[in-house]
Full PDB file with SEQRES, HELIX, SHEET, SSBOND, CRYST1, ORIGX, SCALE, CONECT and MASTER records, all heavy atoms in Angstrom:
SEQRES   1 A   44  THR ALA LEU ALA ASP GLN ALA VAL CYS VAL GLY GLY PRO          
SEQRES   2 A   44  LYS PRO GLU ASP SER TYR LEU ASN ALA GLN ARG ILE ILE          
SEQRES   3 A   44  SER ALA ALA LEU ALA THR GLY ALA GLN ALA ILE HIS PRO          
SEQRES   4 A   44  GLY TYR GLY PHE LEU                                          
HELIX    1 AA1 PRO A   15  ASP A   17  5                                   3    
HELIX    2 AA2 ALA A   22  THR A   32  1                                  11    
CRYST1    1.000    1.000    1.000  90.00  90.00  90.00 P 1           1          
ORIGX1      1.000000  0.000000  0.000000        0.00000                         
ORIGX2      0.000000  1.000000  0.000000        0.00000                         
ORIGX3      0.000000  0.000000  1.000000        0.00000                         
SCALE1      1.000000  0.000000  0.000000        0.00000                         
SCALE2      0.000000  1.000000  0.000000        0.00000                         
SCALE3      0.000000  0.000000  1.000000        0.00000                         
ATOM      1  N   THR A   1       2.418   5.317  -9.564  1.00  0.00           N  
ATOM      2  CA  THR A   1       0.987   5.017  -9.675  1.00  0.00           C  
ATOM      3  C   THR A   1       0.578   4.821 -11.139  1.00  0.00           C  
ATOM      4  O   THR A   1      -0.353   4.079 -11.440  1.00  0.00           O  
ATOM      5  CB  THR A   1       0.129   6.132  -9.052  1.00  0.00           C  
ATOM      6  OG1 THR A   1       0.264   7.326  -9.831  1.00  0.00           O  
ATOM      7  CG2 THR A   1       0.568   6.410  -7.628  1.00  0.00           C  
ATOM      8  N   ALA A   2       1.283   5.502 -12.036  1.00  0.00           N  
ATOM      9  CA  ALA A   2       0.970   5.386 -13.461  1.00  0.00           C  
ATOM     10  C   ALA A   2       1.546   4.106 -14.069  1.00  0.00           C  
ATOM     11  O   ALA A   2       0.960   3.530 -14.989  1.00  0.00           O  
ATOM     12  CB  ALA A   2       1.501   6.604 -14.214  1.00  0.00           C  
ATOM     13  N   LEU A   3       2.692   3.664 -13.555  1.00  0.00           N  
ATOM     14  CA  LEU A   3       3.357   2.496 -14.142  1.00  0.00           C  
ATOM     15  C   LEU A   3       2.774   1.174 -13.664  1.00  0.00           C  
ATOM     16  O   LEU A   3       2.885   0.157 -14.355  1.00  0.00           O  
ATOM     17  CB  LEU A   3       4.855   2.537 -13.819  1.00  0.00           C  
ATOM     18  CG  LEU A   3       5.653   3.668 -14.470  1.00  0.00           C  
ATOM     19  CD1 LEU A   3       7.116   3.610 -14.036  1.00  0.00           C  
ATOM     20  CD2 LEU A   3       5.556   3.596 -15.994  1.00  0.00           C  
ATOM     21  N   ALA A   4       2.158   1.163 -12.499  1.00  0.00           N  
ATOM     22  CA  ALA A   4       1.573  -0.080 -11.982  1.00  0.00           C  
ATOM     23  C   ALA A   4       0.276  -0.420 -12.727  1.00  0.00           C  
ATOM     24  O   ALA A   4      -0.358   0.451 -13.320  1.00  0.00           O  
ATOM     25  CB  ALA A   4       1.303   0.064 -10.490  1.00  0.00           C  
ATOM     26  N   ASP A   5      -0.120  -1.678 -12.671  1.00  0.00           N  
ATOM     27  CA  ASP A   5      -1.366  -2.102 -13.321  1.00  0.00           C  
ATOM     28  C   ASP A   5      -2.587  -1.585 -12.575  1.00  0.00           C  
ATOM     29  O   ASP A   5      -3.628  -1.320 -13.174  1.00  0.00           O  
ATOM     30  CB  ASP A   5      -1.417  -3.630 -13.392  1.00  0.00           C  
ATOM     31  CG  ASP A   5      -0.298  -4.200 -14.262  1.00  0.00           C  
ATOM     32  OD1 ASP A   5      -0.329  -3.954 -15.482  1.00  0.00           O  
ATOM     33  OD2 ASP A   5       0.602  -4.854 -13.723  1.00  0.00           O  
ATOM     34  N   GLN A   6      -2.469  -1.462 -11.245  1.00  0.00           N  
ATOM     35  CA  GLN A   6      -3.525  -0.895 -10.426  1.00  0.00           C  
ATOM     36  C   GLN A   6      -2.890   0.028  -9.395  1.00  0.00           C  
ATOM     37  O   GLN A   6      -1.719  -0.139  -9.036  1.00  0.00           O  
ATOM     38  CB  GLN A   6      -4.300  -1.993  -9.682  1.00  0.00           C  
ATOM     39  CG  GLN A   6      -5.122  -2.911 -10.566  1.00  0.00           C  
ATOM     40  CD  GLN A   6      -5.738  -4.036  -9.742  1.00  0.00           C  
ATOM     41  OE1 GLN A   6      -5.200  -5.139  -9.681  1.00  0.00           O  
ATOM     42  NE2 GLN A   6      -6.871  -3.768  -9.100  1.00  0.00           N  
ATOM     43  N   ALA A   7      -3.672   1.004  -8.910  1.00  0.00           N  
ATOM     44  CA  ALA A   7      -3.173   1.899  -7.875  1.00  0.00           C  
ATOM     45  C   ALA A   7      -4.285   2.170  -6.879  1.00  0.00           C  
ATOM     46  O   ALA A   7      -5.434   2.403  -7.264  1.00  0.00           O  
ATOM     47  CB  ALA A   7      -2.676   3.208  -8.486  1.00  0.00           C  
ATOM     48  N   VAL A   8      -3.933   2.116  -5.600  1.00  0.00           N  
ATOM     49  CA  VAL A   8      -4.918   2.280  -4.526  1.00  0.00           C  
ATOM     50  C   VAL A   8      -4.429   3.349  -3.555  1.00  0.00           C  
ATOM     51  O   VAL A   8      -3.301   3.275  -3.051  1.00  0.00           O  
ATOM     52  CB  VAL A   8      -5.124   0.957  -3.758  1.00  0.00           C  
ATOM     53  CG1 VAL A   8      -6.133   1.152  -2.629  1.00  0.00           C  
ATOM     54  CG2 VAL A   8      -5.567  -0.160  -4.693  1.00  0.00           C  
ATOM     55  N   CYS A   9      -5.259   4.350  -3.288  1.00  0.00           N  
ATOM     56  CA  CYS A   9      -4.925   5.366  -2.294  1.00  0.00           C  
ATOM     57  C   CYS A   9      -5.151   4.780  -0.905  1.00  0.00           C  
ATOM     58  O   CYS A   9      -6.220   4.218  -0.627  1.00  0.00           O  
ATOM     59  CB  CYS A   9      -5.784   6.612  -2.478  1.00  0.00           C  
ATOM     60  SG  CYS A   9      -5.382   7.938  -1.307  1.00  0.00           S  
ATOM     61  N   VAL A  10      -4.128   4.913  -0.041  1.00  0.00           N  
ATOM     62  CA  VAL A  10      -4.220   4.319   1.288  1.00  0.00           C  
ATOM     63  C   VAL A  10      -4.215   5.357   2.409  1.00  0.00           C  
ATOM     64  O   VAL A  10      -4.079   4.996   3.582  1.00  0.00           O  
ATOM     65  CB  VAL A  10      -3.098   3.277   1.522  1.00  0.00           C  
ATOM     66  CG1 VAL A  10      -3.333   2.040   0.688  1.00  0.00           C  
ATOM     67  CG2 VAL A  10      -1.720   3.883   1.249  1.00  0.00           C  
ATOM     68  N   GLY A  11      -4.345   6.644   2.078  1.00  0.00           N  
ATOM     69  CA  GLY A  11      -4.435   7.623   3.152  1.00  0.00           C  
ATOM     70  C   GLY A  11      -3.819   8.959   2.837  1.00  0.00           C  
ATOM     71  O   GLY A  11      -3.454   9.251   1.689  1.00  0.00           O  
ATOM     72  N   GLY A  12      -3.692   9.767   3.872  1.00  0.00           N  
ATOM     73  CA  GLY A  12      -3.192  11.127   3.745  1.00  0.00           C  
ATOM     74  C   GLY A  12      -1.699  11.207   3.517  1.00  0.00           C  
ATOM     75  O   GLY A  12      -1.007  10.194   3.478  1.00  0.00           O  
ATOM     76  N   PRO A  13      -1.183  12.434   3.380  1.00  0.00           N  
ATOM     77  CA  PRO A  13       0.229  12.629   3.041  1.00  0.00           C  
ATOM     78  C   PRO A  13       1.211  12.121   4.088  1.00  0.00           C  
ATOM     79  O   PRO A  13       2.295  11.648   3.744  1.00  0.00           O  
ATOM     80  CB  PRO A  13       0.345  14.151   2.897  1.00  0.00           C  
ATOM     81  CG  PRO A  13      -1.037  14.629   2.658  1.00  0.00           C  
ATOM     82  CD  PRO A  13      -1.919  13.706   3.419  1.00  0.00           C  
ATOM     83  N   LYS A  14       0.874  12.212   5.365  1.00  0.00           N  
ATOM     84  CA  LYS A  14       1.805  11.789   6.395  1.00  0.00           C  
ATOM     85  C   LYS A  14       2.039  10.281   6.323  1.00  0.00           C  
ATOM     86  O   LYS A  14       1.085   9.516   6.138  1.00  0.00           O  
ATOM     87  CB  LYS A  14       1.280  12.181   7.780  1.00  0.00           C  
ATOM     88  CG  LYS A  14       1.211  13.681   8.009  1.00  0.00           C  
ATOM     89  CD  LYS A  14       0.700  13.982   9.403  1.00  0.00           C  
ATOM     90  CE  LYS A  14       0.638  15.494   9.646  1.00  0.00           C  
ATOM     91  NZ  LYS A  14       0.111  15.815  11.001  1.00  0.00           N  
ATOM     92  N   PRO A  15       3.296   9.840   6.472  1.00  0.00           N  
ATOM     93  CA  PRO A  15       3.593   8.403   6.368  1.00  0.00           C  
ATOM     94  C   PRO A  15       2.738   7.531   7.280  1.00  0.00           C  
ATOM     95  O   PRO A  15       2.292   6.453   6.875  1.00  0.00           O  
ATOM     96  CB  PRO A  15       5.074   8.333   6.747  1.00  0.00           C  
ATOM     97  CG  PRO A  15       5.619   9.666   6.369  1.00  0.00           C  
ATOM     98  CD  PRO A  15       4.523  10.635   6.665  1.00  0.00           C  
ATOM     99  N   GLU A  16       2.470   8.004   8.508  1.00  0.00           N  
ATOM    100  CA  GLU A  16       1.690   7.181   9.435  1.00  0.00           C  
ATOM    101  C   GLU A  16       0.249   6.991   8.974  1.00  0.00           C  
ATOM    102  O   GLU A  16      -0.441   6.057   9.410  1.00  0.00           O  
ATOM    103  CB  GLU A  16       1.716   7.783  10.843  1.00  0.00           C  
ATOM    104  CG  GLU A  16       1.204   9.199  10.949  1.00  0.00           C  
ATOM    105  CD  GLU A  16       2.290  10.248  10.846  1.00  0.00           C  
ATOM    106  OE1 GLU A  16       3.296  10.002  10.145  1.00  0.00           O  
ATOM    107  OE2 GLU A  16       2.133  11.337  11.450  1.00  0.00           O  
ATOM    108  N   ASP A  17      -0.206   7.861   8.083  1.00  0.00           N  
ATOM    109  CA  ASP A  17      -1.569   7.743   7.555  1.00  0.00           C  
ATOM    110  C   ASP A  17      -1.634   6.929   6.270  1.00  0.00           C  
ATOM    111  O   ASP A  17      -2.728   6.645   5.776  1.00  0.00           O  
ATOM    112  CB  ASP A  17      -2.154   9.131   7.284  1.00  0.00           C  
ATOM    113  CG  ASP A  17      -2.313   9.958   8.545  1.00  0.00           C  
ATOM    114  OD1 ASP A  17      -2.527   9.353   9.609  1.00  0.00           O  
ATOM    115  OD2 ASP A  17      -2.208  11.193   8.463  1.00  0.00           O  
ATOM    116  N   SER A  18      -0.488   6.571   5.722  1.00  0.00           N  
ATOM    117  CA  SER A  18      -0.488   5.891   4.422  1.00  0.00           C  
ATOM    118  C   SER A  18       0.542   4.769   4.364  1.00  0.00           C  
ATOM    119  O   SER A  18       0.233   3.606   4.622  1.00  0.00           O  
ATOM    120  CB  SER A  18      -0.257   6.913   3.300  1.00  0.00           C  
ATOM    121  OG  SER A  18       0.879   7.731   3.583  1.00  0.00           O  
ATOM    122  N   TYR A  19       1.795   5.118   4.060  1.00  0.00           N  
ATOM    123  CA  TYR A  19       2.808   4.093   3.820  1.00  0.00           C  
ATOM    124  C   TYR A  19       3.227   3.331   5.077  1.00  0.00           C  
ATOM    125  O   TYR A  19       3.820   2.259   4.981  1.00  0.00           O  
ATOM    126  CB  TYR A  19       4.041   4.723   3.160  1.00  0.00           C  
ATOM    127  CG  TYR A  19       3.728   5.357   1.828  1.00  0.00           C  
ATOM    128  CD1 TYR A  19       3.734   6.749   1.683  1.00  0.00           C  
ATOM    129  CD2 TYR A  19       3.403   4.586   0.722  1.00  0.00           C  
ATOM    130  CE1 TYR A  19       3.446   7.340   0.466  1.00  0.00           C  
ATOM    131  CE2 TYR A  19       3.099   5.170  -0.503  1.00  0.00           C  
ATOM    132  CZ  TYR A  19       3.114   6.553  -0.614  1.00  0.00           C  
ATOM    133  OH  TYR A  19       2.824   7.141  -1.826  1.00  0.00           O  
ATOM    134  N   LEU A  20       2.894   3.864   6.245  1.00  0.00           N  
ATOM    135  CA  LEU A  20       3.164   3.153   7.491  1.00  0.00           C  
ATOM    136  C   LEU A  20       1.901   2.562   8.102  1.00  0.00           C  
ATOM    137  O   LEU A  20       1.957   1.990   9.193  1.00  0.00           O  
ATOM    138  CB  LEU A  20       3.828   4.099   8.510  1.00  0.00           C  
ATOM    139  CG  LEU A  20       5.277   4.489   8.217  1.00  0.00           C  
ATOM    140  CD1 LEU A  20       5.756   5.535   9.216  1.00  0.00           C  
ATOM    141  CD2 LEU A  20       6.190   3.271   8.256  1.00  0.00           C  
ATOM    142  N   ASN A  21       0.793   2.683   7.396  1.00  0.00           N  
ATOM    143  CA  ASN A  21      -0.473   2.155   7.900  1.00  0.00           C  
ATOM    144  C   ASN A  21      -0.631   0.706   7.428  1.00  0.00           C  
ATOM    145  O   ASN A  21      -1.127   0.433   6.333  1.00  0.00           O  
ATOM    146  CB  ASN A  21      -1.644   3.011   7.419  1.00  0.00           C  
ATOM    147  CG  ASN A  21      -2.931   2.683   8.157  1.00  0.00           C  
ATOM    148  OD1 ASN A  21      -3.298   1.530   8.314  1.00  0.00           O  
ATOM    149  ND2 ASN A  21      -3.617   3.721   8.615  1.00  0.00           N  
ATOM    150  N   ALA A  22      -0.192  -0.206   8.275  1.00  0.00           N  
ATOM    151  CA  ALA A  22      -0.143  -1.626   7.885  1.00  0.00           C  
ATOM    152  C   ALA A  22      -1.514  -2.184   7.529  1.00  0.00           C  
ATOM    153  O   ALA A  22      -1.660  -2.911   6.530  1.00  0.00           O  
ATOM    154  CB  ALA A  22       0.476  -2.439   9.022  1.00  0.00           C  
ATOM    155  N   GLN A  23      -2.538  -1.855   8.305  1.00  0.00           N  
ATOM    156  CA  GLN A  23      -3.869  -2.422   8.047  1.00  0.00           C  
ATOM    157  C   GLN A  23      -4.432  -1.966   6.710  1.00  0.00           C  
ATOM    158  O   GLN A  23      -5.048  -2.750   5.983  1.00  0.00           O  
ATOM    159  CB  GLN A  23      -4.823  -2.043   9.187  1.00  0.00           C  
ATOM    160  CG  GLN A  23      -4.580  -2.788  10.492  1.00  0.00           C  
ATOM    161  CD  GLN A  23      -4.936  -4.268  10.404  1.00  0.00           C  
ATOM    162  OE1 GLN A  23      -5.491  -4.732   9.406  1.00  0.00           O  
ATOM    163  NE2 GLN A  23      -4.602  -5.025  11.445  1.00  0.00           N  
ATOM    164  N   ARG A  24      -4.208  -0.695   6.347  1.00  0.00           N  
ATOM    165  CA  ARG A  24      -4.723  -0.215   5.062  1.00  0.00           C  
ATOM    166  C   ARG A  24      -3.999  -0.883   3.894  1.00  0.00           C  
ATOM    167  O   ARG A  24      -4.607  -1.179   2.859  1.00  0.00           O  
ATOM    168  CB  ARG A  24      -4.585   1.305   4.978  1.00  0.00           C  
ATOM    169  CG  ARG A  24      -5.543   2.045   5.892  1.00  0.00           C  
ATOM    170  CD  ARG A  24      -5.419   3.552   5.749  1.00  0.00           C  
ATOM    171  NE  ARG A  24      -6.301   4.245   6.675  1.00  0.00           N  
ATOM    172  CZ  ARG A  24      -6.357   5.556   6.823  1.00  0.00           C  
ATOM    173  NH1 ARG A  24      -5.557   6.332   6.082  1.00  0.00           N  
ATOM    174  NH2 ARG A  24      -7.180   6.120   7.687  1.00  0.00           N  
ATOM    175  N   ILE A  25      -2.711  -1.113   4.063  1.00  0.00           N  
ATOM    176  CA  ILE A  25      -1.951  -1.773   2.993  1.00  0.00           C  
ATOM    177  C   ILE A  25      -2.372  -3.227   2.851  1.00  0.00           C  
ATOM    178  O   ILE A  25      -2.547  -3.739   1.736  1.00  0.00           O  
ATOM    179  CB  ILE A  25      -0.440  -1.633   3.258  1.00  0.00           C  
ATOM    180  CG1 ILE A  25      -0.021  -0.176   3.064  1.00  0.00           C  
ATOM    181  CG2 ILE A  25       0.366  -2.550   2.340  1.00  0.00           C  
ATOM    182  CD1 ILE A  25       1.394   0.126   3.475  1.00  0.00           C  
ATOM    183  N   ILE A  26      -2.583  -3.907   3.969  1.00  0.00           N  
ATOM    184  CA  ILE A  26      -3.082  -5.284   3.930  1.00  0.00           C  
ATOM    185  C   ILE A  26      -4.450  -5.316   3.247  1.00  0.00           C  
ATOM    186  O   ILE A  26      -4.719  -6.179   2.385  1.00  0.00           O  
ATOM    187  CB  ILE A  26      -3.184  -5.866   5.356  1.00  0.00           C  
ATOM    188  CG1 ILE A  26      -1.802  -6.041   5.984  1.00  0.00           C  
ATOM    189  CG2 ILE A  26      -3.955  -7.189   5.340  1.00  0.00           C  
ATOM    190  CD1 ILE A  26      -0.984  -7.175   5.450  1.00  0.00           C  
ATOM    191  N   SER A  27      -5.322  -4.389   3.609  1.00  0.00           N  
ATOM    192  CA  SER A  27      -6.656  -4.331   3.001  1.00  0.00           C  
ATOM    193  C   SER A  27      -6.580  -4.118   1.495  1.00  0.00           C  
ATOM    194  O   SER A  27      -7.333  -4.733   0.723  1.00  0.00           O  
ATOM    195  CB  SER A  27      -7.479  -3.203   3.641  1.00  0.00           C  
ATOM    196  OG  SER A  27      -7.704  -3.457   5.010  1.00  0.00           O  
ATOM    197  N   ALA A  28      -5.645  -3.245   1.057  1.00  0.00           N  
ATOM    198  CA  ALA A  28      -5.478  -2.990  -0.384  1.00  0.00           C  
ATOM    199  C   ALA A  28      -5.023  -4.253  -1.103  1.00  0.00           C  
ATOM    200  O   ALA A  28      -5.480  -4.560  -2.212  1.00  0.00           O  
ATOM    201  CB  ALA A  28      -4.473  -1.864  -0.600  1.00  0.00           C  
ATOM    202  N   ALA A  29      -4.138  -5.007  -0.480  1.00  0.00           N  
ATOM    203  CA  ALA A  29      -3.654  -6.254  -1.084  1.00  0.00           C  
ATOM    204  C   ALA A  29      -4.780  -7.265  -1.213  1.00  0.00           C  
ATOM    205  O   ALA A  29      -4.954  -7.911  -2.262  1.00  0.00           O  
ATOM    206  CB  ALA A  29      -2.509  -6.828  -0.257  1.00  0.00           C  
ATOM    207  N   LEU A  30      -5.575  -7.412  -0.166  1.00  0.00           N  
ATOM    208  CA  LEU A  30      -6.682  -8.386  -0.200  1.00  0.00           C  
ATOM    209  C   LEU A  30      -7.751  -7.962  -1.202  1.00  0.00           C  
ATOM    210  O   LEU A  30      -8.290  -8.790  -1.941  1.00  0.00           O  
ATOM    211  CB  LEU A  30      -7.280  -8.523   1.201  1.00  0.00           C  
ATOM    212  CG  LEU A  30      -6.351  -9.109   2.282  1.00  0.00           C  
ATOM    213  CD1 LEU A  30      -7.026  -9.052   3.648  1.00  0.00           C  
ATOM    214  CD2 LEU A  30      -5.958 -10.543   1.938  1.00  0.00           C  
ATOM    215  N   ALA A  31      -8.031  -6.658  -1.242  1.00  0.00           N  
ATOM    216  CA  ALA A  31      -9.091  -6.168  -2.140  1.00  0.00           C  
ATOM    217  C   ALA A  31      -8.718  -6.313  -3.606  1.00  0.00           C  
ATOM    218  O   ALA A  31      -9.595  -6.501  -4.470  1.00  0.00           O  
ATOM    219  CB  ALA A  31      -9.395  -4.703  -1.816  1.00  0.00           C  
ATOM    220  N   THR A  32      -7.437  -6.232  -3.915  1.00  0.00           N  
ATOM    221  CA  THR A  32      -7.000  -6.304  -5.320  1.00  0.00           C  
ATOM    222  C   THR A  32      -6.567  -7.714  -5.732  1.00  0.00           C  
ATOM    223  O   THR A  32      -6.210  -7.921  -6.884  1.00  0.00           O  
ATOM    224  CB  THR A  32      -5.829  -5.341  -5.561  1.00  0.00           C  
ATOM    225  OG1 THR A  32      -4.772  -5.639  -4.633  1.00  0.00           O  
ATOM    226  CG2 THR A  32      -6.265  -3.895  -5.389  1.00  0.00           C  
ATOM    227  N   GLY A  33      -6.562  -8.636  -4.795  1.00  0.00           N  
ATOM    228  CA  GLY A  33      -6.190 -10.013  -5.139  1.00  0.00           C  
ATOM    229  C   GLY A  33      -4.703 -10.250  -5.245  1.00  0.00           C  
ATOM    230  O   GLY A  33      -4.261 -11.236  -5.851  1.00  0.00           O  
ATOM    231  N   ALA A  34      -3.914  -9.382  -4.640  1.00  0.00           N  
ATOM    232  CA  ALA A  34      -2.459  -9.602  -4.632  1.00  0.00           C  
ATOM    233  C   ALA A  34      -2.130 -10.797  -3.739  1.00  0.00           C  
ATOM    234  O   ALA A  34      -2.775 -11.027  -2.723  1.00  0.00           O  
ATOM    235  CB  ALA A  34      -1.739  -8.351  -4.139  1.00  0.00           C  
ATOM    236  N   GLN A  35      -1.125 -11.552  -4.143  1.00  0.00           N  
ATOM    237  CA  GLN A  35      -0.726 -12.723  -3.355  1.00  0.00           C  
ATOM    238  C   GLN A  35       0.471 -12.426  -2.457  1.00  0.00           C  
ATOM    239  O   GLN A  35       0.736 -13.177  -1.518  1.00  0.00           O  
ATOM    240  CB  GLN A  35      -0.364 -13.876  -4.299  1.00  0.00           C  
ATOM    241  CG  GLN A  35      -1.509 -14.299  -5.195  1.00  0.00           C  
ATOM    242  CD  GLN A  35      -1.026 -14.650  -6.594  1.00  0.00           C  
ATOM    243  OE1 GLN A  35      -0.190 -13.960  -7.163  1.00  0.00           O  
ATOM    244  NE2 GLN A  35      -1.556 -15.725  -7.135  1.00  0.00           N  
ATOM    245  N   ALA A  36       1.199 -11.368  -2.768  1.00  0.00           N  
ATOM    246  CA  ALA A  36       2.417 -11.062  -2.028  1.00  0.00           C  
ATOM    247  C   ALA A  36       2.588  -9.549  -1.948  1.00  0.00           C  
ATOM    248  O   ALA A  36       2.015  -8.802  -2.750  1.00  0.00           O  
ATOM    249  CB  ALA A  36       3.628 -11.692  -2.707  1.00  0.00           C  
ATOM    250  N   ILE A  37       3.390  -9.124  -0.974  1.00  0.00           N  
ATOM    251  CA  ILE A  37       3.687  -7.701  -0.785  1.00  0.00           C  
ATOM    252  C   ILE A  37       5.193  -7.512  -0.761  1.00  0.00           C  
ATOM    253  O   ILE A  37       5.899  -8.169   0.005  1.00  0.00           O  
ATOM    254  CB  ILE A  37       3.080  -7.168   0.528  1.00  0.00           C  
ATOM    255  CG1 ILE A  37       1.552  -7.220   0.458  1.00  0.00           C  
ATOM    256  CG2 ILE A  37       3.559  -5.743   0.802  1.00  0.00           C  
ATOM    257  CD1 ILE A  37       0.861  -6.732   1.720  1.00  0.00           C  
ATOM    258  N   HIS A  38       5.677  -6.605  -1.618  1.00  0.00           N  
ATOM    259  CA  HIS A  38       7.095  -6.227  -1.592  1.00  0.00           C  
ATOM    260  C   HIS A  38       7.198  -4.883  -0.885  1.00  0.00           C  
ATOM    261  O   HIS A  38       6.634  -3.899  -1.335  1.00  0.00           O  
ATOM    262  CB  HIS A  38       7.663  -6.120  -3.003  1.00  0.00           C  
ATOM    263  CG  HIS A  38       9.169  -6.137  -3.030  1.00  0.00           C  
ATOM    264  ND1 HIS A  38       9.935  -5.299  -2.249  1.00  0.00           N  
ATOM    265  CD2 HIS A  38      10.052  -6.908  -3.729  1.00  0.00           C  
ATOM    266  CE1 HIS A  38      11.217  -5.544  -2.464  1.00  0.00           C  
ATOM    267  NE2 HIS A  38      11.319  -6.519  -3.349  1.00  0.00           N  
ATOM    268  N   PRO A  39       7.956  -4.818   0.240  1.00  0.00           N  
ATOM    269  CA  PRO A  39       7.999  -3.579   1.009  1.00  0.00           C  
ATOM    270  C   PRO A  39       9.058  -2.579   0.563  1.00  0.00           C  
ATOM    271  O   PRO A  39       9.118  -1.467   1.102  1.00  0.00           O  
ATOM    272  CB  PRO A  39       8.311  -4.078   2.417  1.00  0.00           C  
ATOM    273  CG  PRO A  39       9.206  -5.255   2.171  1.00  0.00           C  
ATOM    274  CD  PRO A  39       8.689  -5.907   0.914  1.00  0.00           C  
ATOM    275  N   GLY A  40       9.940  -2.953  -0.388  1.00  0.00           N  
ATOM    276  CA  GLY A  40      11.008  -2.039  -0.797  1.00  0.00           C  
ATOM    277  C   GLY A  40      11.990  -1.819   0.330  1.00  0.00           C  
ATOM    278  O   GLY A  40      12.393  -2.753   1.018  1.00  0.00           O  
ATOM    279  N   TYR A  41      12.396  -0.557   0.534  1.00  0.00           N  
ATOM    280  CA  TYR A  41      13.232  -0.216   1.689  1.00  0.00           C  
ATOM    281  C   TYR A  41      12.570   0.941   2.432  1.00  0.00           C  
ATOM    282  O   TYR A  41      11.768   1.690   1.877  1.00  0.00           O  
ATOM    283  CB  TYR A  41      14.659   0.143   1.271  1.00  0.00           C  
ATOM    284  CG  TYR A  41      14.779   1.241   0.244  1.00  0.00           C  
ATOM    285  CD1 TYR A  41      14.550   2.566   0.582  1.00  0.00           C  
ATOM    286  CD2 TYR A  41      15.134   0.950  -1.071  1.00  0.00           C  
ATOM    287  CE1 TYR A  41      14.655   3.572  -0.368  1.00  0.00           C  
ATOM    288  CE2 TYR A  41      15.245   1.963  -2.028  1.00  0.00           C  
ATOM    289  CZ  TYR A  41      15.005   3.260  -1.665  1.00  0.00           C  
ATOM    290  OH  TYR A  41      15.103   4.257  -2.591  1.00  0.00           O  
ATOM    291  N   GLY A  42      12.911   1.123   3.711  1.00  0.00           N  
ATOM    292  CA  GLY A  42      12.249   2.144   4.506  1.00  0.00           C  
ATOM    293  C   GLY A  42      10.824   1.726   4.832  1.00  0.00           C  
ATOM    294  O   GLY A  42      10.410   0.586   4.621  1.00  0.00           O  
ATOM    295  N   PHE A  43      10.041   2.654   5.358  1.00  0.00           N  
ATOM    296  CA  PHE A  43       8.652   2.415   5.733  1.00  0.00           C  
ATOM    297  C   PHE A  43       8.502   1.102   6.511  1.00  0.00           C  
ATOM    298  O   PHE A  43       9.068   0.956   7.583  1.00  0.00           O  
ATOM    299  CB  PHE A  43       7.743   2.484   4.514  1.00  0.00           C  
ATOM    300  CG  PHE A  43       7.653   3.853   3.892  1.00  0.00           C  
ATOM    301  CD1 PHE A  43       7.892   4.046   2.541  1.00  0.00           C  
ATOM    302  CD2 PHE A  43       7.365   4.979   4.665  1.00  0.00           C  
ATOM    303  CE1 PHE A  43       7.828   5.318   1.973  1.00  0.00           C  
ATOM    304  CE2 PHE A  43       7.301   6.251   4.103  1.00  0.00           C  
ATOM    305  CZ  PHE A  43       7.531   6.418   2.755  1.00  0.00           C  
ATOM    306  N   LEU A  44       7.776   0.116   5.961  1.00  0.00           N  
ATOM    307  CA  LEU A  44       7.478  -1.118   6.691  1.00  0.00           C  
ATOM    308  C   LEU A  44       8.420  -2.267   6.358  1.00  0.00           C  
ATOM    309  O   LEU A  44       8.171  -3.409   6.752  1.00  0.00           O  
ATOM    310  CB  LEU A  44       6.035  -1.543   6.406  1.00  0.00           C  
ATOM    311  CG  LEU A  44       4.946  -0.590   6.928  1.00  0.00           C  
ATOM    312  CD1 LEU A  44       3.580  -0.988   6.375  1.00  0.00           C  
ATOM    313  CD2 LEU A  44       4.912  -0.574   8.445  1.00  0.00           C  
TER     314      LEU A  44                                                      
MASTER        0    0    0    2    0    0    0    6  313    1    0    4          
END                                                                             
């Protein structure tokens, strides 16, 4: 969160409330003007 240019909280500690919450992640991308999403590994 410190190394990125922006950081957005997408939910609670449980993965299903945050890193697995597809709609919240999509909303964060649209709200910040991101053009693409890199999912890394695991989660989504």
